[in-house]
PDB file of N, CA and C in Angstrom:
ATOM      1  N   MET A   1       0.828  -1.155  -0.014  1.00  0.00           N
ATOM      2  CA  MET A   1       0.112   0.140   0.104  1.00  0.00           C
ATOM      3  C   MET A   1       0.744   1.182   0.143  1.00  0.00           C
ATOM      4  N   THR A   2       1.831   1.181   0.815  1.00  0.00           N
ATOM      5  CA  THR A   2       2.840   2.497   0.868  1.00  0.00           C
ATOM      6  C   THR A   2       3.640   2.502  -0.560  1.00  0.00           C
ATOM      7  N   VAL A   3       3.611   1.619  -1.112  1.00  0.00           N
ATOM      8  CA  VAL A   3       4.266   1.914  -2.565  1.00  0.00           C
ATOM      9  C   VAL A   3       3.603   2.423  -3.437  1.00  0.00           C
ATOM     10  N   ALA A   4       2.218   2.229  -3.501  1.00  0.00           N
ATOM     11  CA  ALA A   4       1.215   2.527  -4.446  1.00  0.00           C
ATOM     12  C   ALA A   4       0.805   3.786  -4.134  1.00  0.00           C
ATOM     13  N   ARG A   5       1.017   4.576  -2.808  1.00  0.00           N
ATOM     14  CA  ARG A   5       0.800   5.630  -2.386  1.00  0.00           C
ATOM     15  C   ARG A   5       1.999   6.712  -2.939  1.00  0.00           C
ATOM     16  N   GLN A   6       3.334   6.105  -2.716  1.00  0.00           N
ATOM     17  CA  GLN A   6       4.435   6.639  -3.255  1.00  0.00           C
ATOM     18  C   GLN A   6       4.330   7.185  -4.717  1.00  0.00           C
ATOM     19  N   TYR A   7       3.843   5.963  -5.471  1.00  0.00           N
ATOM     20  CA  TYR A   7       4.006   6.055  -6.908  1.00  0.00           C
ATOM     21  C   TYR A   7       2.758   7.122  -7.075  1.00  0.00           C
ATOM     22  N   GLN A   8       1.758   7.085  -6.346  1.00  0.00           N
ATOM     23  CA  GLN A   8       0.504   8.009  -6.787  1.00  0.00           C
ATOM     24  C   GLN A   8       1.080   9.514  -6.668  1.00  0.00           C
ATOM     25  N   PHE A   9       1.792   9.799  -5.329  1.00  0.00           N
ATOM     26  CA  PHE A   9       2.656  11.113  -5.161  1.00  0.00           C
ATOM     27  C   PHE A   9       3.326  11.407  -6.075  1.00  0.00           C
ATOM     28  N   VAL A  10       4.411  10.596  -6.613  1.00  0.00           N
ATOM     29  CA  VAL A  10       5.580  11.029  -7.535  1.00  0.00           C
ATOM     30  C   VAL A  10       4.742  11.407  -9.085  1.00  0.00           C
ATOM     31  N   SER A  11       3.904  10.317  -9.463  1.00  0.00           N
ATOM     32  CA  SER A  11       3.090  10.569 -10.760  1.00  0.00           C
ATOM     33  C   SER A  11       2.169  11.925 -10.515  1.00  0.00           C
ATOM     34  N   GLY A  12       1.649  12.197  -9.537  1.00  0.00           N
ATOM     35  CA  GLY A  12       0.799  13.427  -9.386  1.00  0.00           C
ATOM     36  C   GLY A  12       1.508  14.627  -9.472  1.00  0.00           C
ATOM     37  N   VAL A  13       2.757  14.582  -8.915  1.00  0.00           N
ATOM     38  CA  VAL A  13       3.673  15.838  -8.752  1.00  0.00           C
ATOM     39  C   VAL A  13       4.194  15.846 -10.180  1.00  0.00           C
ATOM     40  N   LEU A  14       4.589  14.821 -11.010  1.00  0.00           N
ATOM     41  CA  LEU A  14       5.253  14.689 -12.223  1.00  0.00           C
ATOM     42  C   LEU A  14       3.986  15.425 -13.549  1.00  0.00           C
ATOM     43  N   ALA A  15       3.135  14.626 -13.206  1.00  0.00           N
ATOM     44  CA  ALA A  15       2.031  15.444 -14.117  1.00  0.00           C
ATOM     45  C   ALA A  15       1.741  16.878 -13.899  1.00  0.00           C
ATOM     46  N   TRP A  16       1.582  17.164 -12.754  1.00  0.00           N
ATOM     47  CA  TRP A  16       1.581  18.398 -12.496  1.00  0.00           C
ATOM     48  C   TRP A  16       2.254  19.561 -13.099  1.00  0.00           C
ATOM     49  N   THR A  17       3.711  19.081 -12.804  1.00  0.00           N
ATOM     50  CA  THR A  17       4.727  19.899 -13.098  1.00  0.00           C
ATOM     51  C   THR A  17       5.054  20.050 -14.960  1.00  0.00           C
ATOM     52  N   LEU A  18       4.795  18.975 -15.670  1.00  0.00           N
ATOM     53  CA  LEU A  18       4.752  18.738 -17.256  1.00  0.00           C
ATOM     54  C   LEU A  18       3.341  19.677 -17.439  1.00  0.00           C
ATOM     55  N   ALA A  19       2.383  19.307 -17.218  1.00  0.00           N
ATOM     56  CA  ALA A  19       1.525  20.385 -17.428  1.00  0.00           C
ATOM     57  C   ALA A  19       1.515  21.697 -17.264  1.00  0.00           C
ATOM     58  N   GLY A  20       2.168  22.135 -16.066  1.00  0.00           N
ATOM     59  CA  GLY A  20       2.379  23.527 -15.863  1.00  0.00           C
ATOM     60  C   GLY A  20       3.398  24.023 -16.916  1.00  0.00           C
ATOM     61  N   LEU A  21       4.554  23.188 -17.115  1.00  0.00           N
ATOM     62  CA  LEU A  21       5.585  23.533 -18.155  1.00  0.00           C
ATOM     63  C   LEU A  21       5.160  23.522 -19.473  1.00  0.00           C
ATOM     64  N   PHE A  22       4.232  22.720 -20.006  1.00  0.00           N
ATOM     65  CA  PHE A  22       3.299  22.949 -21.429  1.00  0.00           C
ATOM     66  C   PHE A  22       2.604  24.277 -21.473  1.00  0.00           C
ATOM     67  N   VAL A  23       1.892  24.516 -20.148  1.00  0.00           N
ATOM     68  CA  VAL A  23       0.997  25.859 -20.439  1.00  0.00           C
ATOM     69  C   VAL A  23       1.891  27.107 -20.473  1.00  0.00           C
ATOM     70  N   LEU A  24       3.036  27.013 -19.937  1.00  0.00           N
ATOM     71  CA  LEU A  24       3.673  28.115 -19.468  1.00  0.00           C
ATOM     72  C   LEU A  24       4.439  28.418 -20.903  1.00  0.00           C
ATOM     73  N   VAL A  25       5.016  27.227 -21.633  1.00  0.00           N
ATOM     74  CA  VAL A  25       5.721  27.527 -22.847  1.00  0.00           C
ATOM     75  C   VAL A  25       4.653  27.881 -23.787  1.00  0.00           C
ATOM     76  N   ALA A  26       3.464  27.153 -23.853  1.00  0.00           N
ATOM     77  CA  ALA A  26       2.685  27.271 -24.857  1.00  0.00           C
ATOM     78  C   ALA A  26       1.854  28.638 -24.930  1.00  0.00           C
ATOM     79  N   THR A  27       1.825  29.537 -23.728  1.00  0.00           N
ATOM     80  CA  THR A  27       1.452  30.883 -23.696  1.00  0.00           C
ATOM     81  C   THR A  27       2.466  32.079 -23.533  1.00  0.00           C
ATOM     82  N   GLY A  28       3.665  31.553 -23.638  1.00  0.00           N
ATOM     83  CA  GLY A  28       5.004  32.340 -23.771  1.00  0.00           C
ATOM     84  C   GLY A  28       5.267  32.923 -22.531  1.00  0.00           C
ATOM     85  N   TRP A  29       4.874  32.534 -21.423  1.00  0.00           N
ATOM     86  CA  TRP A  29       4.887  33.234 -20.208  1.00  0.00           C
ATOM     87  C   TRP A  29       5.980  32.419 -19.257  1.00  0.00           C
ATOM     88  N   PHE A  30       6.874  31.452 -19.934  1.00  0.00           N
ATOM     89  CA  PHE A  30       7.856  30.630 -19.262  1.00  0.00           C
ATOM     90  C   PHE A  30       8.875  31.722 -18.653  1.00  0.00           C
ATOM     91  N   THR A  31       9.248  31.466 -17.538  1.00  0.00           N
ATOM     92  CA  THR A  31      10.409  32.040 -16.817  1.00  0.00           C
ATOM     93  C   THR A  31      10.693  30.969 -15.848  1.00  0.00           C
ATOM     94  N   TYR A  32      11.820  30.981 -15.392  1.00  0.00           N
ATOM     95  CA  TYR A  32      12.248  29.568 -14.375  1.00  0.00           C
ATOM     96  C   TYR A  32      11.488  30.100 -13.018  1.00  0.00           C
ATOM     97  N   GLU A  33      11.401  31.358 -12.653  1.00  0.00           N
ATOM     98  CA  GLU A  33      10.662  31.707 -11.409  1.00  0.00           C
ATOM     99  C   GLU A  33       9.240  31.222 -11.405  1.00  0.00           C
ATOM    100  N   LEU A  34       8.486  31.510 -12.627  1.00  0.00           N
ATOM    101  CA  LEU A  34       7.384  31.007 -12.468  1.00  0.00           C
ATOM    102  C   LEU A  34       7.083  29.823 -12.531  1.00  0.00           C
ATOM    103  N   PHE A  35       7.850  28.812 -13.367  1.00  0.00           N
ATOM    104  CA  PHE A  35       7.927  27.593 -13.370  1.00  0.00           C
ATOM    105  C   PHE A  35       8.015  27.062 -11.947  1.00  0.00           C
ATOM    106  N   PHE A  36       8.844  27.488 -11.344  1.00  0.00           N
ATOM    107  CA  PHE A  36       9.177  27.175 -10.142  1.00  0.00           C
ATOM    108  C   PHE A  36       8.197  27.066  -9.068  1.00  0.00           C
ATOM    109  N   VAL A  37       7.301  28.500  -9.141  1.00  0.00           N
ATOM    110  CA  VAL A  37       5.959  28.590  -8.242  1.00  0.00           C
ATOM    111  C   VAL A  37       4.948  27.804  -8.821  1.00  0.00           C
ATOM    112  N   VAL A  38       4.913  27.602  -9.822  1.00  0.00           N
ATOM    113  CA  VAL A  38       3.767  26.745 -10.604  1.00  0.00           C
ATOM    114  C   VAL A  38       4.072  25.188 -10.060  1.00  0.00           C
ATOM    115  N   SER A  39       5.165  24.763 -10.058  1.00  0.00           N
ATOM    116  CA  SER A  39       5.516  23.587  -9.684  1.00  0.00           C
ATOM    117  C   SER A  39       5.689  23.313  -7.925  1.00  0.00           C
ATOM    118  N   LEU A  40       5.897  24.459  -7.289  1.00  0.00           N
ATOM    119  CA  LEU A  40       5.511  24.427  -5.873  1.00  0.00           C
ATOM    120  C   LEU A  40       3.989  24.363  -5.695  1.00  0.00           C
ATOM    121  N   ILE A  41       3.283  25.019  -6.198  1.00  0.00           N
ATOM    122  CA  ILE A  41       1.886  24.935  -5.953  1.00  0.00           C
ATOM    123  C   ILE A  41       1.375  23.471  -6.245  1.00  0.00           C
ATOM    124  N   GLY A  42       1.881  23.030  -7.411  1.00  0.00           N
ATOM    125  CA  GLY A  42       1.444  21.561  -7.606  1.00  0.00           C
ATOM    126  C   GLY A  42       1.787  20.834  -6.510  1.00  0.00           C
ATOM    127  N   VAL A  43       3.043  20.728  -5.876  1.00  0.00           N
ATOM    128  CA  VAL A  43       3.659  19.897  -5.097  1.00  0.00           C
ATOM    129  C   VAL A  43       2.501  19.895  -3.636  1.00  0.00           C
ATOM    130  N   LEU A  44       2.595  21.267  -3.336  1.00  0.00           N
ATOM    131  CA  LEU A  44       1.666  21.551  -2.241  1.00  0.00           C
ATOM    132  C   LEU A  44       0.299  20.820  -2.182  1.00  0.00           C
ATOM    133  N   ILE A  45      -0.468  20.808  -3.663  1.00  0.00           N
ATOM    134  CA  ILE A  45      -1.647  20.275  -3.822  1.00  0.00           C
ATOM    135  C   ILE A  45      -1.871  18.844  -3.747  1.00  0.00           C
ATOM    136  N   VAL A  46      -0.707  18.295  -4.477  1.00  0.00           N
ATOM    137  CA  VAL A  46      -0.487  16.910  -4.447  1.00  0.00           C
ATOM    138  C   VAL A  46      -0.417  16.137  -2.886  1.00  0.00           C
ATOM    139  N   VAL A  47       0.327  17.065  -2.374  1.00  0.00           N
ATOM    140  CA  VAL A  47       0.641  16.548  -0.952  1.00  0.00           C
ATOM    141  C   VAL A  47      -0.646  16.485  -0.157  1.00  0.00           C
ATOM    142  N   GLU A  48      -1.572  17.491  -0.289  1.00  0.00           N
ATOM    143  CA  GLU A  48      -2.785  17.562   0.254  1.00  0.00           C
ATOM    144  C   GLU A  48      -3.631  16.634  -0.064  1.00  0.00           C
ATOM    145  N   PHE A  49      -3.923  16.353  -1.415  1.00  0.00           N
ATOM    146  CA  PHE A  49      -4.639  15.206  -1.802  1.00  0.00           C
ATOM    147  C   PHE A  49      -4.349  14.057  -1.404  1.00  0.00           C
ATOM    148  N   THR A  50      -2.969  13.682  -1.453  1.00  0.00           N
ATOM    149  CA  THR A  50      -2.508  12.274  -0.959  1.00  0.00           C
ATOM    150  C   THR A  50      -2.188  12.256   0.308  1.00  0.00           C
ATOM    151  N   SER A  51      -2.223  12.920   1.316  1.00  0.00           N
ATOM    152  CA  SER A  51      -2.067  12.563   2.638  1.00  0.00           C
ATOM    153  C   SER A  51      -2.989  11.563   3.346  1.00  0.00           C
ATOM    154  N   PRO A  52      -2.605  10.529   3.916  1.00  0.00           N
ATOM    155  CA  PRO A  52      -3.280   9.608   4.534  1.00  0.00           C
ATOM    156  C   PRO A  52      -4.006  10.366   5.714  1.00  0.00           C
ATOM    157  N   ILE A  53      -5.006   9.631   6.380  1.00  0.00           N
ATOM    158  CA  ILE A  53      -5.935   9.980   7.388  1.00  0.00           C
ATOM    159  C   ILE A  53      -5.309   9.872   8.897  1.00  0.00           C
ATOM    160  N   HIS A  54      -4.864   8.610   8.959  1.00  0.00           N
ATOM    161  CA  HIS A  54      -4.537   8.115  10.406  1.00  0.00           C
ATOM    162  C   HIS A  54      -3.106   8.095  10.565  1.00  0.00           C
ATOM    163  N   VAL A  55      -2.424   7.648   9.695  1.00  0.00           N
ATOM    164  CA  VAL A  55      -1.243   7.080   9.766  1.00  0.00           C
ATOM    165  C   VAL A  55      -0.156   7.703   8.947  1.00  0.00           C
ATOM    166  N   ARG A  56       0.809   8.384   9.116  1.00  0.00           N
ATOM    167  CA  ARG A  56       1.912   8.793   8.724  1.00  0.00           C
ATOM    168  C   ARG A  56       2.966   8.000   8.443  1.00  0.00           C
ATOM    169  N   PRO A  57       3.456   7.476   7.059  1.00  0.00           N
ATOM    170  CA  PRO A  57       4.365   6.600   6.946  1.00  0.00           C
ATOM    171  C   PRO A  57       5.653   7.483   6.808  1.00  0.00           C
ATOM    172  N   PRO A  58       6.944   6.842   6.952  1.00  0.00           N
ATOM    173  CA  PRO A  58       8.142   7.589   7.028  1.00  0.00           C
ATOM    174  C   PRO A  58       8.539   8.466   5.832  1.00  0.00           C
ATOM    175  N   TRP A  59       8.080   7.818   4.469  1.00  0.00           N
ATOM    176  CA  TRP A  59       8.534   8.710   3.583  1.00  0.00           C
ATOM    177  C   TRP A  59       7.440  10.018   3.374  1.00  0.00           C
ATOM    178  N   ARG A  60       6.534  10.351   4.306  1.00  0.00           N
ATOM    179  CA  ARG A  60       5.663  11.470   4.026  1.00  0.00           C
ATOM    180  C   ARG A  60       6.273  12.368   5.093  1.00  0.00           C
ATOM    181  N   ARG A  61       6.902  11.913   6.133  1.00  0.00           N
ATOM    182  CA  ARG A  61       7.710  12.869   6.939  1.00  0.00           C
ATOM    183  C   ARG A  61       9.004  13.704   6.274  1.00  0.00           C
ATOM    184  N   ARG A  62       9.361  12.929   5.230  1.00  0.00           N
ATOM    185  CA  ARG A  62      10.574  13.492   4.489  1.00  0.00           C
ATOM    186  C   ARG A  62       9.888  14.520   3.402  1.00  0.00           C
ATOM    187  N   VAL A  63       8.815  14.469   2.995  1.00  0.00           N
ATOM    188  CA  VAL A  63       8.045  15.282   1.970  1.00  0.00           C
ATOM    189  C   VAL A  63       8.037  16.420   2.794  1.00  0.00           C
ATOM    190  N   ARG A  64       8.050  16.557   3.980  1.00  0.00           N
ATOM    191  CA  ARG A  64       8.017  18.017   4.764  1.00  0.00           C
ATOM    192  C   ARG A  64       9.123  18.654   4.398  1.00  0.00           C
ATOM    193  N   TRP A  65      10.218  18.150   4.589  1.00  0.00           N
ATOM    194  CA  TRP A  65      11.431  18.914   4.134  1.00  0.00           C
ATOM    195  C   TRP A  65      11.458  19.592   2.737  1.00  0.00           C
ATOM    196  N   LEU A  66      10.883  18.642   1.665  1.00  0.00           N
ATOM    197  CA  LEU A  66      10.591  19.399   0.318  1.00  0.00           C
ATOM    198  C   LEU A  66       9.713  20.473   0.429  1.00  0.00           C
ATOM    199  N   VAL A  67       8.555  20.262   1.178  1.00  0.00           N
ATOM    200  CA  VAL A  67       7.768  21.415   1.056  1.00  0.00           C
ATOM    201  C   VAL A  67       8.615  22.710   1.904  1.00  0.00           C
ATOM    202  N   LEU A  68       9.212  22.657   2.732  1.00  0.00           N
ATOM    203  CA  LEU A  68      10.094  23.397   3.503  1.00  0.00           C
ATOM    204  C   LEU A  68      10.707  24.336   2.618  1.00  0.00           C
ATOM    205  N   ALA A  69      11.625  23.198   1.757  1.00  0.00           N
ATOM    206  CA  ALA A  69      12.625  23.781   0.778  1.00  0.00           C
ATOM    207  C   ALA A  69      11.955  24.758  -0.310  1.00  0.00           C
ATOM    208  N   GLY A  70      10.914  24.348  -0.773  1.00  0.00           N
ATOM    209  CA  GLY A  70      10.148  25.215  -1.442  1.00  0.00           C
ATOM    210  C   GLY A  70       9.578  26.069  -1.225  1.00  0.00           C
ATOM    211  N   ILE A  71       9.175  26.136   0.259  1.00  0.00           N
ATOM    212  CA  ILE A  71       8.627  27.454   0.696  1.00  0.00           C
ATOM    213  C   ILE A  71       9.859  28.814   0.687  1.00  0.00           C
ATOM    214  N   ALA A  72      11.082  28.074   1.447  1.00  0.00           N
ATOM    215  CA  ALA A  72      12.155  29.077   1.623  1.00  0.00           C
ATOM    216  C   ALA A  72      12.627  29.444   0.043  1.00  0.00           C
ATOM    217  N   GLY A  73      12.570  28.692  -1.275  1.00  0.00           N
ATOM    218  CA  GLY A  73      12.724  29.001  -2.363  1.00  0.00           C
ATOM    219  C   GLY A  73      11.788  30.036  -2.755  1.00  0.00           C
ATOM    220  N   PHE A  74      10.506  29.994  -2.406  1.00  0.00           N
ATOM    221  CA  PHE A  74       9.605  31.145  -2.829  1.00  0.00           C
ATOM    222  C   PHE A  74       9.842  32.264  -2.158  1.00  0.00           C
ATOM    223  N   LEU A  75       9.948  32.351  -0.857  1.00  0.00           N
ATOM    224  CA  LEU A  75      10.503  33.560  -0.312  1.00  0.00           C
ATOM    225  C   LEU A  75      11.649  34.251  -0.841  1.00  0.00           C
ATOM    226  N   VAL A  76      12.635  33.555  -1.662  1.00  0.00           N
ATOM    227  CA  VAL A  76      13.508  34.059  -2.295  1.00  0.00           C
ATOM    228  C   VAL A  76      13.368  34.593  -3.600  1.00  0.00           C
ATOM    229  N   VAL A  77      12.334  33.919  -4.211  1.00  0.00           N
ATOM    230  CA  VAL A  77      11.981  34.388  -5.522  1.00  0.00           C
ATOM    231  C   VAL A  77      10.816  35.799  -5.115  1.00  0.00           C
ATOM    232  N   LEU A  78      10.259  35.664  -4.358  1.00  0.00           N
ATOM    233  CA  LEU A  78       9.416  36.852  -3.763  1.00  0.00           C
ATOM    234  C   LEU A  78      10.090  38.042  -3.486  1.00  0.00           C
ATOM    235  N   ALA A  79      11.585  37.922  -2.704  1.00  0.00           N
ATOM    236  CA  ALA A  79      12.316  38.760  -2.148  1.00  0.00           C
ATOM    237  C   ALA A  79      13.121  39.635  -3.456  1.00  0.00           C
ATOM    238  N   ARG A  80      13.343  38.724  -4.363  1.00  0.00           N
ATOM    239  CA  ARG A  80      13.952  39.137  -5.593  1.00  0.00           C
ATOM    240  C   ARG A  80      13.236  39.979  -6.415  1.00  0.00           C
ATOM    241  N   ARG A  81      11.793  39.683  -6.760  1.00  0.00           N
ATOM    242  CA  ARG A  81      10.814  40.364  -7.206  1.00  0.00           C
ATOM    243  C   ARG A  81      10.396  41.611  -6.629  1.00  0.00           C
ATOM    244  N   THR A  82      10.715  41.600  -5.218  1.00  0.00           N
ATOM    245  CA  THR A  82      10.161  42.799  -4.519  1.00  0.00           C
ATOM    246  C   THR A  82      11.284  43.755  -4.797  1.00  0.00           C
ATOM    247  N   LEU A  83      12.502  43.248  -4.655  1.00  0.00           N
ATOM    248  CA  LEU A  83      13.753  44.262  -5.041  1.00  0.00           C
ATOM    249  C   LEU A  83      13.547  45.089  -6.289  1.00  0.00           C
ATOM    250  N   ALA A  84      13.403  44.115  -7.275  1.00  0.00           N
ATOM    251  CA  ALA A  84      13.165  44.630  -8.485  1.00  0.00           C
ATOM    252  C   ALA A  84      12.390  45.423  -8.978  1.00  0.00           C
ATOM    253  N   VAL A  85      11.183  45.371  -8.153  1.00  0.00           N
ATOM    254  CA  VAL A  85      10.112  46.511  -8.358  1.00  0.00           C
ATOM    255  C   VAL A  85      10.507  47.929  -7.919  1.00  0.00           C
ATOM    256  N   LEU A  86      11.216  47.653  -6.654  1.00  0.00           N
ATOM    257  CA  LEU A  86      11.449  49.127  -5.966  1.00  0.00           C
ATOM    258  C   LEU A  86      12.473  49.950  -6.575  1.00  0.00           C
ATOM    259  N   PRO A  87      12.043  51.173  -6.410  1.00  0.00           N
ATOM    260  CA  PRO A  87      13.173  52.045  -6.845  1.00  0.00           C
ATOM    261  C   PRO A  87      14.280  51.823  -6.380  1.00  0.00           C
ATOM    262  N   SER A  88      15.684  52.378  -7.116  1.00  0.00           N
ATOM    263  CA  SER A  88      16.927  51.851  -6.704  1.00  0.00           C
ATOM    264  C   SER A  88      17.320  52.645  -5.522  1.00  0.00           C
ATOM    265  N   GLY A  89      16.870  53.833  -4.866  1.00  0.00           N
ATOM    266  CA  GLY A  89      17.229  54.699  -3.753  1.00  0.00           C
ATOM    267  C   GLY A  89      16.459  54.366  -2.255  1.00  0.00           C
ATOM    268  N   VAL A  90      15.895  53.295  -2.419  1.00  0.00           N
ATOM    269  CA  VAL A  90      14.794  52.753  -1.629  1.00  0.00           C
ATOM    270  C   VAL A  90      16.021  51.909  -0.629  1.00  0.00           C
ATOM    271  N   VAL A  91      16.432  50.852  -1.186  1.00  0.00           N
ATOM    272  CA  VAL A  91      17.231  49.841  -0.643  1.00  0.00           C
ATOM    273  C   VAL A  91      18.797  50.312  -0.773  1.00  0.00           C
TER     274      VAL A  91
END
């Protein structure tokens, strides 16, 4: 059962990431930052949809570190975008 859940999780993240990549390239909006944010949103959605109710397997505990690293990366992207928008004399 655990291997099936792992496969479901990995295939969900992969499907979301490839679909996001396709949409971004097809619309001409592809940037690495936007791709990262779309992929992070997909990871967060798949984590919630595939989370077990009563038991937390050991591999799910490691997913938490992936989510935390993704949120840290999102904060870096957010800070870079904020600094790019601010006038040069502010910072």
